Amino acid sequence: MEDRYLSVAEIAEYLGIKEDTVYKWISAKRLPAHKVGRLWKFKKTEVDEWIRQGKTR
C-alpha cells in the first residue's frame, strides 16, 4: 500500500469536503497537516486515524 503525502485538493476529495474547509480546519489546528515549503501535505493514515478518534468536531 502506498503511503504518500496528499495535496489539499486530494484530501478534500477524499473527505468529500471543499478545499476552503480543509484550510479552515488547518487554521483551527484540527486537521493533521504538514507544511512543506508553501504547500500543505497530508498523510492519509494520519487523517484516517484523526477520523477514527472522532476529532472531526
N, C-alpha and C. Protein backbone atom coordinates (compact mmCIF):
# COMPACT_ATOMS: atom_id res chain seq x y z
N MET A 1 0.85 -1.19 0.00
CA MET A 1 0.00 0.00 0.00
C MET A 1 0.88 1.24 0.00
N GLU A 2 0.57 2.15 -0.85
CA GLU A 2 1.34 3.37 -0.99
C GLU A 2 0.96 4.36 0.11
N ASP A 3 1.97 4.88 0.79
CA ASP A 3 1.72 5.84 1.87
C ASP A 3 2.39 7.17 1.52
N ARG A 4 1.83 7.86 0.55
CA ARG A 4 2.40 9.12 0.11
C ARG A 4 1.62 10.29 0.70
N TYR A 5 2.20 11.46 0.60
CA TYR A 5 1.52 12.66 1.07
C TYR A 5 0.51 13.11 0.02
N LEU A 6 -0.66 13.55 0.49
CA LEU A 6 -1.72 14.03 -0.39
C LEU A 6 -1.75 15.56 -0.35
N SER A 7 -2.20 16.15 -1.44
CA SER A 7 -2.34 17.60 -1.52
C SER A 7 -3.67 18.04 -0.90
N VAL A 8 -3.87 19.34 -0.81
CA VAL A 8 -5.12 19.89 -0.28
C VAL A 8 -6.29 19.42 -1.15
N ALA A 9 -6.13 19.49 -2.46
CA ALA A 9 -7.20 19.07 -3.37
C ALA A 9 -7.52 17.58 -3.19
N GLU A 10 -6.48 16.76 -3.07
CA GLU A 10 -6.68 15.32 -2.92
C GLU A 10 -7.35 14.98 -1.59
N ILE A 11 -6.93 15.62 -0.51
CA ILE A 11 -7.54 15.32 0.80
C ILE A 11 -8.98 15.83 0.85
N ALA A 12 -9.25 16.95 0.21
CA ALA A 12 -10.62 17.47 0.16
C ALA A 12 -11.52 16.48 -0.58
N GLU A 13 -11.03 15.97 -1.70
CA GLU A 13 -11.81 14.98 -2.47
C GLU A 13 -11.99 13.70 -1.65
N TYR A 14 -10.95 13.25 -0.99
CA TYR A 14 -11.00 12.04 -0.18
C TYR A 14 -12.03 12.17 0.94
N LEU A 15 -12.08 13.35 1.59
CA LEU A 15 -13.01 13.57 2.69
C LEU A 15 -14.40 14.02 2.23
N GLY A 16 -14.51 14.39 0.95
CA GLY A 16 -15.80 14.85 0.42
C GLY A 16 -16.18 16.23 0.91
N ILE A 17 -15.16 17.09 1.07
CA ILE A 17 -15.39 18.46 1.53
C ILE A 17 -14.73 19.43 0.55
N LYS A 18 -15.00 20.72 0.74
CA LYS A 18 -14.39 21.74 -0.11
C LYS A 18 -12.99 22.07 0.39
N GLU A 19 -12.16 22.54 -0.52
CA GLU A 19 -10.79 22.93 -0.17
C GLU A 19 -10.80 24.03 0.89
N ASP A 20 -11.76 24.94 0.82
CA ASP A 20 -11.86 26.01 1.82
C ASP A 20 -12.01 25.43 3.22
N THR A 21 -12.77 24.36 3.34
CA THR A 21 -12.97 23.71 4.64
C THR A 21 -11.65 23.11 5.14
N VAL A 22 -10.87 22.54 4.24
CA VAL A 22 -9.57 21.98 4.62
C VAL A 22 -8.71 23.09 5.23
N TYR A 23 -8.65 24.24 4.56
CA TYR A 23 -7.84 25.36 5.07
C TYR A 23 -8.37 25.88 6.40
N LYS A 24 -9.67 25.91 6.58
CA LYS A 24 -10.25 26.34 7.86
C LYS A 24 -9.85 25.39 8.98
N TRP A 25 -9.91 24.08 8.69
CA TRP A 25 -9.54 23.09 9.70
C TRP A 25 -8.05 23.16 10.03
N ILE A 26 -7.22 23.45 9.02
CA ILE A 26 -5.78 23.62 9.28
C ILE A 26 -5.57 24.83 10.19
N SER A 27 -6.24 25.93 9.89
CA SER A 27 -6.10 27.16 10.69
C SER A 27 -6.52 26.94 12.13
N ALA A 28 -7.53 26.14 12.33
CA ALA A 28 -8.02 25.85 13.69
C ALA A 28 -7.20 24.74 14.36
N LYS A 29 -6.15 24.28 13.66
CA LYS A 29 -5.28 23.20 14.15
C LYS A 29 -6.06 21.93 14.46
N ARG A 30 -7.06 21.66 13.66
CA ARG A 30 -7.89 20.48 13.86
C ARG A 30 -7.45 19.32 12.97
N LEU A 31 -7.05 19.63 11.76
CA LEU A 31 -6.71 18.59 10.78
C LEU A 31 -5.20 18.35 10.80
N PRO A 32 -4.76 17.08 10.93
CA PRO A 32 -3.31 16.81 10.93
C PRO A 32 -2.71 17.11 9.56
N ALA A 33 -1.82 18.09 9.51
CA ALA A 33 -1.23 18.53 8.25
C ALA A 33 0.25 18.85 8.46
N HIS A 34 0.99 18.80 7.38
CA HIS A 34 2.42 19.10 7.39
C HIS A 34 2.70 20.16 6.33
N LYS A 35 3.43 21.20 6.71
CA LYS A 35 3.77 22.25 5.76
C LYS A 35 5.10 21.89 5.10
N VAL A 36 5.09 21.81 3.78
CA VAL A 36 6.28 21.51 3.00
C VAL A 36 6.51 22.71 2.09
N GLY A 37 7.44 23.56 2.50
CA GLY A 37 7.62 24.82 1.77
C GLY A 37 6.39 25.67 1.96
N ARG A 38 5.73 26.01 0.86
CA ARG A 38 4.49 26.79 0.93
C ARG A 38 3.24 25.93 0.83
N LEU A 39 3.42 24.63 0.69
CA LEU A 39 2.30 23.73 0.46
C LEU A 39 1.95 22.94 1.71
N TRP A 40 0.67 22.63 1.86
CA TRP A 40 0.20 21.75 2.92
C TRP A 40 0.09 20.35 2.36
N LYS A 41 0.58 19.37 3.12
CA LYS A 41 0.50 17.97 2.71
C LYS A 41 -0.09 17.15 3.84
N PHE A 42 -0.68 16.02 3.49
CA PHE A 42 -1.42 15.19 4.45
C PHE A 42 -1.06 13.73 4.25
N LYS A 43 -0.87 13.02 5.35
CA LYS A 43 -0.72 11.57 5.31
C LYS A 43 -2.11 10.97 5.48
N LYS A 44 -2.51 10.16 4.53
CA LYS A 44 -3.84 9.56 4.58
C LYS A 44 -4.04 8.76 5.86
N THR A 45 -3.00 8.07 6.30
CA THR A 45 -3.11 7.26 7.52
C THR A 45 -3.37 8.13 8.75
N GLU A 46 -2.74 9.31 8.80
CA GLU A 46 -2.96 10.23 9.92
C GLU A 46 -4.37 10.79 9.90
N VAL A 47 -4.85 11.12 8.72
CA VAL A 47 -6.21 11.66 8.59
C VAL A 47 -7.24 10.58 8.95
N ASP A 48 -7.00 9.35 8.51
CA ASP A 48 -7.90 8.24 8.86
C ASP A 48 -7.95 8.04 10.38
N GLU A 49 -6.80 8.11 11.03
CA GLU A 49 -6.75 7.95 12.49
C GLU A 49 -7.47 9.11 13.18
N TRP A 50 -7.30 10.31 12.67
CA TRP A 50 -7.97 11.51 13.18
C TRP A 50 -9.49 11.33 13.12
N ILE A 51 -9.97 10.76 12.04
CA ILE A 51 -11.40 10.50 11.89
C ILE A 51 -11.85 9.43 12.89
N ARG A 52 -11.08 8.35 12.99
CA ARG A 52 -11.42 7.25 13.91
C ARG A 52 -11.49 7.74 15.37
N GLN A 53 -10.64 8.68 15.71
CA GLN A 53 -10.63 9.22 17.07
C GLN A 53 -11.75 10.21 17.33
N GLY A 54 -12.52 10.52 16.29
CA GLY A 54 -13.65 11.42 16.45
C GLY A 54 -13.27 12.88 16.62
N LYS A 55 -12.11 13.26 16.09
CA LYS A 55 -11.65 14.63 16.24
C LYS A 55 -12.16 15.56 15.14
N THR A 56 -13.12 15.11 14.39
CA THR A 56 -13.66 15.91 13.30
C THR A 56 -14.59 17.00 13.78
N ARG A 57 -14.92 16.99 15.06
CA ARG A 57 -15.84 18.00 15.59
C ARG A 57 -15.12 19.09 16.29
